[in-house]
Amino acid sequence: MKEVLFASGRNIPNVDPQLHAWHWPIPVYLFLGGLAAGLLFFASYYTIMGKEKEMPAATKWAPFFVPITLVVGLGALFYDLTNKLFFWRLYTTIRIESPMSWGAWALMIITPLSFLWIASYLKEIFPNWSWKYDFLEKIMDWVTKNRKVMAWILLPMSIILGIYTGILLSAFNARPLWNNSILGPLFLVSGLSTAAALIVWLSKDAHEKHLFTKIDLVLIATELFILTHMFMGFQAGTSVQQEAAFLLNGGEFTVVFWVFVVILGLVFPAILEISELIGYKVPVAVPAMLVIIGGLVFRFVMVEAGQITRYLY
């Protein structure tokens, strides 16, 4: 039995100033929210551009994952709540300065629209299906007719949802690893990249698969650029920020971050995608799965490492 004597009320591990309040449900929610945002962005964008037939996986098939990811993500978030019966209070007010308020209202709008988006394609997917109630058929006809209107709503809302998942962390001033303005764009690009990878995996059309492979390559390069910029900002900052960056670059999260996020989640999939574009035969599931897993591990690393970082006082 190990005995530890605390001579001060400060810097008690896992209590002060470190408080592990967020566990696995939060990174799962952040990952699924980012994935849903990316899928809806591509679906709404190509619908607005009038390319539904050219991009069937992006506009028709991939959005079927959105309600599932949102429901599972919100379920994980609800599981993590301490006072579960009072979640509705988020919807009694709108606070422009609160990332939590932005996210709550964005999800309130996006979630029902994602179900309606699927409903707009049901008659096309099941043309011979006999609907028992006439009002259901009328609803599907209405949402199909107004699909582009939904796309115009979902396009900005998906960007808000994707960027909010990073801003939610950056708003915590007491956590130096989180408290930087680049997390919002970083999480948005990561969510778009995982969505593009999933679309490549689902697509059966060679042109669409080729296009989204290129899109994912650009997003991976952008994500690597933003990560580099983030580390440069930490290294040019105070000793507290340098200590926070050390967790990912020499500390206890170094192997997980660099191996599973940077190398296996970004660099190696990019090499495989480039190889595929120049003519080599690459199983499409491999780079797609690596990007998706890398995006999930990235959220776990940021949430866990961020709670350890602190300002010494």
Foldseek 3Di string as FASTA:
>chain_A
DDDDDDPDPADDPCPHPFPQLDDDLLLLLLLLLLQLLLLLQQQLVCVLVVCCVVQVLSNAPLLVCNLVSNVSSVVSVLVSDPPNVCPCVLVVDADPVALVNLQVVLSVLVNVLSVLSNLLCPCVVCVPDDDPDPVSVVSNVVSVVCVNVSSVVSNVSSLSSQLSSLVNQLVPPFQLLSVDPLRSVLSNLLSNLLNLLVSLLPDPDPVNNLVSLVVNLVSLVVNVVSVVVSQVVLVPDDPLSVVLVCCCVVNDCVCLCCPLQVVQQRVVLSVQSVCVNVPDDDNSVRSSVSNSRNSSSVSNCSSVSRSNRGDGD
